[in-house]
């Protein structure tokens, strides 16, 4: 039952924070946007930790957790690239990787009827780097009213994202072919 599963409740809460986060950005409440983004990050860590510690991992949670992460990251990147805080090419790279991974997962599911796909360490590192970038942008906007991010950081995030996408494709093709 979902109401007795705290990790799933936290994941759903993270999804429900999304319209407030987007509204805070749209209406220039960048301090609230930062607080909401940090809150989403804390609930992300807590839901995973609680699911493992309390042995409350569920199929629903294993699907909702990455969906919540992707909703927040994609919303953040799209809005921040529209504001000019993040380059559009980076947003395109991140969304393209996610679309390729989700499409690959759907193909994998239709062929194998297996819903379980293990995230790779590199994929997790790429997602963390994306989250850190969003957090840094929000912090800089709040402190300096400018998001001057070093190109090396942007390239590192793009590289991790691209390589993790290639790794997912390789692992998916290898699994389907065996």
N, C-alpha and C. Protein backbone atom coordinates (compact mmCIF):
# COMPACT_ATOMS: atom_id res chain seq x y z
N UNK A 1 0.85 -1.19 0.00
CA UNK A 1 0.00 0.00 0.00
C UNK A 1 0.89 1.25 0.00
N UNK A 2 0.60 2.17 -0.87
CA UNK A 2 1.45 3.35 -1.05
C UNK A 2 1.47 4.27 0.17
N UNK A 3 0.37 4.36 0.90
CA UNK A 3 0.33 5.29 2.03
C UNK A 3 1.19 4.83 3.20
N UNK A 4 1.59 3.57 3.21
CA UNK A 4 2.45 3.07 4.27
C UNK A 4 3.91 2.97 3.83
N UNK A 5 4.20 3.45 2.66
CA UNK A 5 5.55 3.35 2.13
C UNK A 5 6.15 4.76 2.05
N UNK A 6 6.91 5.13 3.07
CA UNK A 6 7.48 6.48 3.15
C UNK A 6 8.38 6.82 1.96
N UNK A 7 9.24 5.89 1.47
CA UNK A 7 10.04 6.24 0.29
C UNK A 7 9.19 6.66 -0.91
N UNK A 8 8.09 5.93 -1.17
CA UNK A 8 7.22 6.30 -2.29
C UNK A 8 6.53 7.64 -2.05
N UNK A 9 6.14 7.89 -0.81
CA UNK A 9 5.52 9.17 -0.47
C UNK A 9 6.50 10.32 -0.73
N UNK A 10 7.76 10.13 -0.34
CA UNK A 10 8.78 11.16 -0.58
C UNK A 10 8.99 11.38 -2.09
N UNK A 11 9.00 10.30 -2.85
CA UNK A 11 9.16 10.43 -4.31
C UNK A 11 8.00 11.19 -4.92
N UNK A 12 6.79 10.87 -4.50
CA UNK A 12 5.61 11.58 -5.01
C UNK A 12 5.65 13.05 -4.58
N UNK A 13 6.10 13.31 -3.36
CA UNK A 13 6.25 14.70 -2.90
C UNK A 13 7.22 15.45 -3.79
N UNK A 14 8.30 14.78 -4.20
CA UNK A 14 9.30 15.40 -5.09
C UNK A 14 8.66 15.76 -6.43
N UNK A 15 7.82 14.88 -6.93
CA UNK A 15 7.12 15.17 -8.19
C UNK A 15 6.17 16.36 -8.01
N UNK A 16 5.50 16.40 -6.86
CA UNK A 16 4.54 17.48 -6.60
C UNK A 16 5.23 18.84 -6.37
N UNK A 17 6.52 18.83 -6.04
CA UNK A 17 7.27 20.08 -5.89
C UNK A 17 7.54 20.76 -7.24
N UNK A 18 7.48 19.97 -8.30
CA UNK A 18 7.87 20.47 -9.62
C UNK A 18 7.12 21.72 -10.08
N UNK A 19 5.79 21.79 -9.99
CA UNK A 19 5.12 23.02 -10.45
C UNK A 19 5.48 24.24 -9.60
N UNK A 20 5.75 24.02 -8.31
CA UNK A 20 6.15 25.14 -7.45
C UNK A 20 7.56 25.61 -7.82
N UNK A 21 8.43 24.67 -8.10
CA UNK A 21 9.78 25.00 -8.54
C UNK A 21 9.75 25.80 -9.84
N UNK A 22 8.99 25.28 -10.81
CA UNK A 22 8.89 25.97 -12.11
C UNK A 22 8.27 27.36 -11.94
N UNK A 23 7.25 27.46 -11.12
CA UNK A 23 6.62 28.77 -10.88
C UNK A 23 7.59 29.75 -10.21
N UNK A 24 8.37 29.24 -9.28
CA UNK A 24 9.36 30.11 -8.61
C UNK A 24 10.35 30.67 -9.63
N UNK A 25 10.77 29.84 -10.58
CA UNK A 25 11.67 30.34 -11.63
C UNK A 25 10.98 31.34 -12.54
N UNK A 26 9.77 31.02 -12.95
CA UNK A 26 9.04 31.89 -13.87
C UNK A 26 8.78 33.27 -13.26
N UNK A 27 8.45 33.30 -11.98
CA UNK A 27 8.11 34.56 -11.32
C UNK A 27 9.28 35.19 -10.56
N UNK A 28 10.49 34.76 -10.91
CA UNK A 28 11.73 35.35 -10.38
C UNK A 28 11.91 35.22 -8.87
N UNK A 29 11.37 34.17 -8.30
CA UNK A 29 11.60 33.87 -6.88
C UNK A 29 12.73 32.83 -6.81
N UNK A 30 13.92 33.28 -7.18
CA UNK A 30 15.04 32.36 -7.31
C UNK A 30 15.47 31.76 -5.98
N UNK A 31 15.25 32.50 -4.89
CA UNK A 31 15.57 31.94 -3.57
C UNK A 31 14.66 30.76 -3.26
N UNK A 32 13.37 30.90 -3.57
CA UNK A 32 12.44 29.78 -3.36
C UNK A 32 12.79 28.61 -4.29
N UNK A 33 13.16 28.94 -5.52
CA UNK A 33 13.54 27.89 -6.47
C UNK A 33 14.72 27.09 -5.93
N UNK A 34 15.70 27.78 -5.37
CA UNK A 34 16.86 27.10 -4.78
C UNK A 34 16.43 26.22 -3.62
N UNK A 35 15.58 26.74 -2.74
CA UNK A 35 15.11 25.96 -1.59
C UNK A 35 14.33 24.73 -2.06
N UNK A 36 13.47 24.90 -3.05
CA UNK A 36 12.69 23.77 -3.56
C UNK A 36 13.59 22.75 -4.24
N UNK A 37 14.60 23.22 -4.97
CA UNK A 37 15.52 22.29 -5.62
C UNK A 37 16.31 21.50 -4.58
N UNK A 38 16.78 22.18 -3.55
CA UNK A 38 17.50 21.49 -2.48
C UNK A 38 16.57 20.51 -1.75
N UNK A 39 15.33 20.90 -1.55
CA UNK A 39 14.36 20.00 -0.91
C UNK A 39 14.14 18.75 -1.76
N UNK A 40 14.06 18.94 -3.06
CA UNK A 40 13.90 17.79 -3.95
C UNK A 40 15.12 16.87 -3.86
N UNK A 41 16.30 17.47 -3.79
CA UNK A 41 17.52 16.67 -3.65
C UNK A 41 17.55 15.89 -2.36
N UNK A 42 17.13 16.53 -1.28
CA UNK A 42 17.12 15.85 0.03
C UNK A 42 16.11 14.70 0.02
N UNK A 43 14.92 14.93 -0.55
CA UNK A 43 13.93 13.84 -0.59
C UNK A 43 14.42 12.71 -1.49
N UNK A 44 15.18 13.03 -2.53
CA UNK A 44 15.74 12.00 -3.41
C UNK A 44 16.69 11.10 -2.63
N UNK A 45 17.57 11.71 -1.86
CA UNK A 45 18.51 10.93 -1.05
C UNK A 45 17.76 10.12 0.01
N UNK A 46 16.81 10.77 0.67
CA UNK A 46 16.07 10.11 1.75
C UNK A 46 15.23 8.94 1.25
N UNK A 47 14.55 9.10 0.11
CA UNK A 47 13.69 8.00 -0.33
C UNK A 47 14.51 6.77 -0.68
N UNK A 48 15.66 6.97 -1.31
CA UNK A 48 16.51 5.83 -1.63
C UNK A 48 17.08 5.16 -0.39
N UNK A 49 17.52 5.99 0.54
CA UNK A 49 18.10 5.48 1.78
C UNK A 49 17.05 4.71 2.59
N UNK A 50 15.87 5.31 2.74
CA UNK A 50 14.81 4.65 3.50
C UNK A 50 14.34 3.36 2.83
N UNK A 51 14.26 3.37 1.51
CA UNK A 51 13.83 2.16 0.80
C UNK A 51 14.78 1.00 1.07
N UNK A 52 16.09 1.31 1.13
CA UNK A 52 17.07 0.25 1.39
C UNK A 52 17.08 -0.15 2.87
N UNK A 53 17.16 0.84 3.75
CA UNK A 53 17.27 0.57 5.19
C UNK A 53 16.02 -0.13 5.74
N UNK A 54 14.85 0.36 5.35
CA UNK A 54 13.60 -0.20 5.86
C UNK A 54 13.08 -1.35 4.99
N UNK A 55 13.85 -1.69 3.95
CA UNK A 55 13.46 -2.75 3.02
C UNK A 55 12.06 -2.48 2.44
N UNK A 56 11.87 -1.24 1.98
CA UNK A 56 10.59 -0.84 1.41
C UNK A 56 10.70 -0.50 -0.07
N UNK A 57 11.70 -1.08 -0.74
CA UNK A 57 11.83 -0.87 -2.17
C UNK A 57 10.65 -1.53 -2.87
N UNK A 58 10.06 -0.82 -3.83
CA UNK A 58 8.90 -1.34 -4.56
C UNK A 58 9.12 -1.15 -6.06
N UNK A 59 8.37 -1.88 -6.85
CA UNK A 59 8.42 -1.71 -8.30
C UNK A 59 7.99 -0.28 -8.65
N UNK A 60 6.92 0.19 -7.98
CA UNK A 60 6.45 1.56 -8.22
C UNK A 60 7.57 2.57 -7.93
N UNK A 61 8.23 2.41 -6.80
CA UNK A 61 9.32 3.31 -6.44
C UNK A 61 10.47 3.26 -7.43
N UNK A 62 10.77 2.07 -7.93
CA UNK A 62 11.88 1.93 -8.88
C UNK A 62 11.57 2.61 -10.21
N UNK A 63 10.30 2.83 -10.49
CA UNK A 63 9.90 3.55 -11.71
C UNK A 63 9.73 5.04 -11.41
N UNK A 64 9.05 5.36 -10.30
CA UNK A 64 8.77 6.77 -9.97
C UNK A 64 10.04 7.56 -9.66
N UNK A 65 11.01 6.95 -8.98
CA UNK A 65 12.21 7.69 -8.57
C UNK A 65 12.97 8.27 -9.77
N UNK A 66 13.32 7.46 -10.77
CA UNK A 66 14.01 8.07 -11.92
C UNK A 66 13.12 9.03 -12.71
N UNK A 67 11.81 8.76 -12.73
CA UNK A 67 10.89 9.67 -13.42
C UNK A 67 10.89 11.04 -12.72
N UNK A 68 10.84 11.02 -11.40
CA UNK A 68 10.87 12.28 -10.64
C UNK A 68 12.17 13.04 -10.92
N UNK A 69 13.29 12.31 -10.92
CA UNK A 69 14.58 12.94 -11.22
C UNK A 69 14.58 13.57 -12.60
N UNK A 70 14.10 12.82 -13.59
CA UNK A 70 14.11 13.31 -14.97
C UNK A 70 13.18 14.51 -15.13
N UNK A 71 12.00 14.47 -14.53
CA UNK A 71 11.09 15.61 -14.61
C UNK A 71 11.76 16.88 -14.09
N UNK A 72 12.40 16.76 -12.94
CA UNK A 72 13.04 17.93 -12.34
C UNK A 72 14.21 18.42 -13.18
N UNK A 73 15.07 17.50 -13.62
CA UNK A 73 16.24 17.91 -14.39
C UNK A 73 15.84 18.49 -15.75
N UNK A 74 14.93 17.84 -16.43
CA UNK A 74 14.54 18.35 -17.75
C UNK A 74 13.86 19.70 -17.63
N UNK A 75 12.96 19.85 -16.66
CA UNK A 75 12.31 21.14 -16.44
C UNK A 75 13.36 22.21 -16.14
N UNK A 76 14.31 21.89 -15.28
CA UNK A 76 15.37 22.83 -14.92
C UNK A 76 16.19 23.23 -16.13
N UNK A 77 16.64 22.26 -16.90
CA UNK A 77 17.49 22.57 -18.05
C UNK A 77 16.75 23.36 -19.11
N UNK A 78 15.51 22.99 -19.39
CA UNK A 78 14.74 23.74 -20.40
C UNK A 78 14.56 25.19 -19.96
N UNK A 79 14.11 25.38 -18.73
CA UNK A 79 13.86 26.75 -18.26
C UNK A 79 15.16 27.55 -18.18
N UNK A 80 16.21 26.95 -17.68
CA UNK A 80 17.46 27.68 -17.53
C UNK A 80 18.13 27.98 -18.87
N UNK A 81 17.90 27.13 -19.86
CA UNK A 81 18.45 27.45 -21.18
C UNK A 81 17.62 28.55 -21.83
N UNK A 82 16.31 28.58 -21.56
CA UNK A 82 15.47 29.68 -22.07
C UNK A 82 15.88 31.02 -21.47
N UNK A 83 16.30 31.00 -20.20
CA UNK A 83 16.78 32.23 -19.54
C UNK A 83 18.22 32.57 -19.93
N UNK A 84 18.88 31.66 -20.64
CA UNK A 84 20.26 31.91 -21.05
C UNK A 84 21.28 31.58 -19.97
N UNK A 85 20.87 30.88 -18.94
CA UNK A 85 21.79 30.55 -17.85
C UNK A 85 22.61 29.30 -18.16
N UNK A 86 22.06 28.45 -19.00
CA UNK A 86 22.73 27.22 -19.43
C UNK A 86 22.64 27.20 -20.95
N UNK A 87 23.72 26.81 -21.62
CA UNK A 87 23.67 26.79 -23.09
C UNK A 87 22.65 25.77 -23.62
N UNK A 88 22.00 26.15 -24.69
CA UNK A 88 20.98 25.29 -25.29
C UNK A 88 21.57 23.96 -25.75
N UNK A 89 22.81 23.96 -26.23
CA UNK A 89 23.41 22.71 -26.70
C UNK A 89 23.52 21.69 -25.57
N UNK A 90 23.73 22.15 -24.35
CA UNK A 90 23.82 21.23 -23.21
C UNK A 90 22.43 20.65 -22.90
N UNK A 91 21.41 21.49 -22.95
CA UNK A 91 20.04 21.02 -22.72
C UNK A 91 19.66 19.99 -23.78
N UNK A 92 20.01 20.26 -25.02
CA UNK A 92 19.72 19.31 -26.11
C UNK A 92 20.45 17.99 -25.88
N UNK A 93 21.70 18.06 -25.44
CA UNK A 93 22.48 16.85 -25.16
C UNK A 93 21.80 16.02 -24.08
N UNK A 94 21.40 16.67 -23.00
CA UNK A 94 20.80 15.96 -21.86
C UNK A 94 19.45 15.36 -22.23
N UNK A 95 18.60 16.14 -22.89
CA UNK A 95 17.29 15.62 -23.27
C UNK A 95 17.43 14.50 -24.31
N UNK A 96 18.35 14.66 -25.24
CA UNK A 96 18.56 13.62 -26.26
C UNK A 96 18.99 12.31 -25.62
N UNK A 97 19.94 12.38 -24.68
CA UNK A 97 20.37 11.17 -23.99
C UNK A 97 19.21 10.51 -23.27
N UNK A 98 18.40 11.31 -22.59
CA UNK A 98 17.27 10.75 -21.84
C UNK A 98 16.24 10.13 -22.78
N UNK A 99 15.97 10.77 -23.90
CA UNK A 99 15.02 10.20 -24.87
C UNK A 99 15.55 8.89 -25.45
N UNK A 100 16.83 8.85 -25.74
CA UNK A 100 17.44 7.62 -26.27
C UNK A 100 17.37 6.50 -25.23
N UNK A 101 17.69 6.82 -23.98
CA UNK A 101 17.65 5.81 -22.92
C UNK A 101 16.23 5.31 -22.70
N UNK A 102 15.25 6.21 -22.64
CA UNK A 102 13.86 5.80 -22.43
C UNK A 102 13.35 4.98 -23.61
N UNK A 103 13.68 5.40 -24.83
CA UNK A 103 13.28 4.63 -26.01
C UNK A 103 13.93 3.25 -25.99
N UNK A 104 15.20 3.20 -25.64
CA UNK A 104 15.89 1.92 -25.52
C UNK A 104 15.25 1.03 -24.47
N UNK A 105 14.87 1.64 -23.33
CA UNK A 105 14.21 0.87 -22.28
C UNK A 105 12.89 0.30 -22.78
N UNK A 106 12.12 1.11 -23.52
CA UNK A 106 10.84 0.62 -24.05
C UNK A 106 11.06 -0.53 -25.02
N UNK A 107 12.04 -0.41 -25.89
CA UNK A 107 12.36 -1.49 -26.84
C UNK A 107 12.78 -2.74 -26.06
N UNK A 108 13.65 -2.53 -25.06
CA UNK A 108 14.11 -3.64 -24.21
C UNK A 108 12.92 -4.32 -23.55
N UNK A 109 12.00 -3.54 -23.03
CA UNK A 109 10.82 -4.09 -22.37
C UNK A 109 9.96 -4.90 -23.34
N UNK A 110 9.73 -4.37 -24.54
CA UNK A 110 8.87 -5.07 -25.51
C UNK A 110 9.51 -6.37 -25.98
N UNK A 111 10.84 -6.40 -26.03
CA UNK A 111 11.53 -7.61 -26.48
C UNK A 111 11.64 -8.64 -25.36
N UNK A 112 12.00 -8.18 -24.17
CA UNK A 112 12.29 -9.12 -23.06
C UNK A 112 11.16 -9.25 -22.05
N UNK A 113 10.23 -8.31 -22.03
CA UNK A 113 9.16 -8.23 -21.02
C UNK A 113 9.74 -8.10 -19.61
N UNK A 114 10.93 -7.58 -19.54
CA UNK A 114 11.60 -7.34 -18.26
C UNK A 114 11.55 -5.84 -17.99
N UNK A 115 10.93 -5.47 -16.87
CA UNK A 115 10.78 -4.05 -16.54
C UNK A 115 12.03 -3.51 -15.83
N UNK A 116 12.83 -4.41 -15.27
CA UNK A 116 13.96 -4.00 -14.42
C UNK A 116 15.19 -3.72 -15.28
N UNK A 117 15.66 -2.49 -15.21
CA UNK A 117 16.90 -2.10 -15.85
C UNK A 117 17.74 -1.42 -14.78
N UNK A 118 18.93 -1.92 -14.59
CA UNK A 118 19.82 -1.37 -13.56
C UNK A 118 20.51 -0.11 -14.08
N UNK A 119 20.46 0.96 -13.31
CA UNK A 119 21.20 2.16 -13.72
C UNK A 119 22.70 1.91 -13.57
N UNK A 120 23.46 2.51 -14.46
CA UNK A 120 24.92 2.34 -14.38
C UNK A 120 25.50 3.39 -13.43
N UNK A 121 26.68 3.09 -12.93
CA UNK A 121 27.37 4.05 -12.06
C UNK A 121 27.64 5.34 -12.83
N UNK A 122 28.07 5.21 -14.09
CA UNK A 122 28.34 6.40 -14.89
C UNK A 122 27.07 7.21 -15.13
N UNK A 123 25.94 6.51 -15.32
CA UNK A 123 24.66 7.21 -15.49
C UNK A 123 24.29 7.99 -14.24
N UNK A 124 24.54 7.37 -13.07
CA UNK A 124 24.26 8.06 -11.81
C UNK A 124 25.19 9.26 -11.64
N UNK A 125 26.46 9.10 -12.00
CA UNK A 125 27.41 10.21 -11.90
C UNK A 125 26.99 11.35 -12.83
N UNK A 126 26.54 11.00 -14.03
CA UNK A 126 26.07 12.02 -14.98
C UNK A 126 24.88 12.78 -14.40
N UNK A 127 23.94 12.05 -13.79
CA UNK A 127 22.77 12.71 -13.19
C UNK A 127 23.18 13.61 -12.02
N UNK A 128 24.12 13.14 -11.22
CA UNK A 128 24.61 13.97 -10.11
C UNK A 128 25.28 15.23 -10.65
N UNK A 129 26.08 15.08 -11.70
CA UNK A 129 26.75 16.26 -12.27
C UNK A 129 25.73 17.26 -12.81
N UNK A 130 24.65 16.76 -13.40
CA UNK A 130 23.59 17.64 -13.89
C UNK A 130 22.91 18.36 -12.73
N UNK A 131 22.64 17.62 -11.67
CA UNK A 131 22.01 18.23 -10.49
C UNK A 131 22.92 19.28 -9.85
N UNK A 132 24.20 18.96 -9.76
CA UNK A 132 25.16 19.92 -9.19
C UNK A 132 25.18 21.18 -10.04
N UNK A 133 25.18 21.02 -11.36
CA UNK A 133 25.18 22.18 -12.25
C UNK A 133 23.94 23.04 -12.01
N UNK A 134 22.77 22.43 -11.93
CA UNK A 134 21.54 23.18 -11.66
C UNK A 134 21.65 23.91 -10.33
N UNK A 135 22.13 23.20 -9.31
CA UNK A 135 22.29 23.81 -7.99
C UNK A 135 23.25 24.99 -8.01
N UNK A 136 24.37 24.85 -8.72
CA UNK A 136 25.35 25.94 -8.82
C UNK A 136 24.74 27.13 -9.54
N UNK A 137 24.01 26.87 -10.62
CA UNK A 137 23.36 27.97 -11.35
C UNK A 137 22.39 28.71 -10.42
N UNK A 138 21.57 27.97 -9.70
CA UNK A 138 20.61 28.61 -8.78
C UNK A 138 21.33 29.40 -7.69
N UNK A 139 22.41 28.85 -7.19
CA UNK A 139 23.19 29.54 -6.16
C UNK A 139 23.79 30.84 -6.71
N UNK A 140 24.37 30.77 -7.90
CA UNK A 140 24.97 31.97 -8.51
C UNK A 140 23.92 33.03 -8.84
N UNK A 141 22.77 32.59 -9.31
CA UNK A 141 21.68 33.54 -9.61
C UNK A 141 21.26 34.26 -8.34
N UNK A 142 21.22 33.53 -7.23
CA UNK A 142 20.83 34.13 -5.95
C UNK A 142 21.91 35.03 -5.38
N UNK A 143 23.17 34.68 -5.57
CA UNK A 143 24.27 35.44 -4.97
C UNK A 143 24.69 36.62 -5.85
N UNK A 144 24.88 36.33 -7.16
CA UNK A 144 25.43 37.36 -8.06
C UNK A 144 24.47 37.84 -9.13
N UNK A 145 23.28 37.25 -9.17
CA UNK A 145 22.32 37.57 -10.21
C UNK A 145 22.89 37.30 -11.60
N UNK A 146 23.79 36.32 -11.66
CA UNK A 146 24.42 35.93 -12.91
C UNK A 146 24.83 34.47 -12.81
N UNK A 147 24.75 33.76 -13.91
CA UNK A 147 25.12 32.34 -13.91
C UNK A 147 26.29 32.13 -14.85
N UNK A 148 27.43 32.67 -14.49
CA UNK A 148 28.63 32.54 -15.30
C UNK A 148 29.33 31.23 -14.95
N UNK A 149 29.00 30.18 -15.67
CA UNK A 149 29.54 28.84 -15.41
C UNK A 149 30.74 28.61 -16.32
N UNK A 150 31.84 28.12 -15.77
CA UNK A 150 33.02 27.82 -16.61
C UNK A 150 32.69 26.79 -17.69
N UNK A 151 33.19 27.02 -18.89
CA UNK A 151 32.95 26.12 -20.01
C UNK A 151 33.44 24.71 -19.70
N UNK A 152 34.52 24.60 -18.94
CA UNK A 152 35.05 23.27 -18.60
C UNK A 152 34.02 22.45 -17.81
N UNK A 153 33.28 23.11 -16.94
CA UNK A 153 32.24 22.43 -16.15
C UNK A 153 31.12 21.97 -17.08
N UNK A 154 30.70 22.83 -17.99
CA UNK A 154 29.64 22.49 -18.94
C UNK A 154 30.05 21.31 -19.82
N UNK A 155 31.29 21.34 -20.29
CA UNK A 155 31.80 20.25 -21.13
C UNK A 155 31.90 18.95 -20.34
N UNK A 156 32.29 19.04 -19.08
CA UNK A 156 32.37 17.83 -18.24
C UNK A 156 30.99 17.21 -18.07
N UNK A 157 29.98 18.04 -17.81
CA UNK A 157 28.60 17.53 -17.65
C UNK A 157 28.13 16.91 -18.96
N UNK A 158 28.38 17.59 -20.08
CA UNK A 158 27.97 17.07 -21.38
C UNK A 158 28.69 15.75 -21.70
N UNK A 159 29.97 15.68 -21.39
CA UNK A 159 30.75 14.47 -21.66
C UNK A 159 30.25 13.29 -20.84
N UNK A 160 30.03 13.51 -19.54
CA UNK A 160 29.51 12.45 -18.69
C UNK A 160 28.15 11.98 -19.19
N UNK A 161 27.32 12.93 -19.60
CA UNK A 161 25.98 12.61 -20.10
C UNK A 161 26.08 11.79 -21.38
N UNK A 162 26.90 12.24 -22.32
CA UNK A 162 27.04 11.54 -23.60
C UNK A 162 27.64 10.15 -23.46
N UNK A 163 28.70 10.03 -22.68
CA UNK A 163 29.35 8.73 -22.50
C UNK A 163 28.41 7.77 -21.77
N UNK A 164 27.67 8.27 -20.77
CA UNK A 164 26.73 7.39 -20.07
C UNK A 164 25.63 6.92 -21.02
N UNK A 165 25.20 7.78 -21.93
CA UNK A 165 24.20 7.38 -22.93
C UNK A 165 24.72 6.30 -23.85
N UNK A 166 25.96 6.44 -24.29
CA UNK A 166 26.58 5.43 -25.15
C UNK A 166 26.71 4.10 -24.39
N UNK A 167 27.07 4.18 -23.12
CA UNK A 167 27.19 2.97 -22.30
C UNK A 167 25.84 2.27 -22.16
N UNK A 168 24.77 3.05 -21.95
CA UNK A 168 23.44 2.45 -21.86
C UNK A 168 23.07 1.75 -23.17
N UNK A 169 23.36 2.38 -24.29
CA UNK A 169 23.07 1.77 -25.59
C UNK A 169 23.84 0.46 -25.74
N UNK A 170 25.14 0.51 -25.40
CA UNK A 170 25.97 -0.69 -25.51
C UNK A 170 25.44 -1.81 -24.63
N UNK A 171 25.13 -1.51 -23.37
CA UNK A 171 24.63 -2.52 -22.44
C UNK A 171 23.28 -3.08 -22.91
N UNK A 172 22.42 -2.21 -23.42
CA UNK A 172 21.12 -2.66 -23.90
C UNK A 172 21.24 -3.58 -25.10
N UNK A 173 22.08 -3.20 -26.06
CA UNK A 173 22.28 -4.04 -27.25
C UNK A 173 22.91 -5.38 -26.87
N UNK A 174 23.85 -5.34 -25.96
CA UNK A 174 24.52 -6.57 -25.51
C UNK A 174 23.51 -7.50 -24.82
N UNK A 175 22.65 -6.93 -23.98
CA UNK A 175 21.65 -7.75 -23.28
C UNK A 175 20.63 -8.34 -24.24
N UNK A 176 20.18 -7.55 -25.19
CA UNK A 176 19.17 -8.03 -26.15
C UNK A 176 19.76 -9.11 -27.05
N UNK A 177 21.03 -8.97 -27.41
CA UNK A 177 21.66 -9.94 -28.31
C UNK A 177 22.04 -11.24 -27.63
N UNK A 178 21.96 -11.31 -26.29
CA UNK A 178 22.33 -12.56 -25.62
C UNK A 178 21.13 -13.39 -25.25
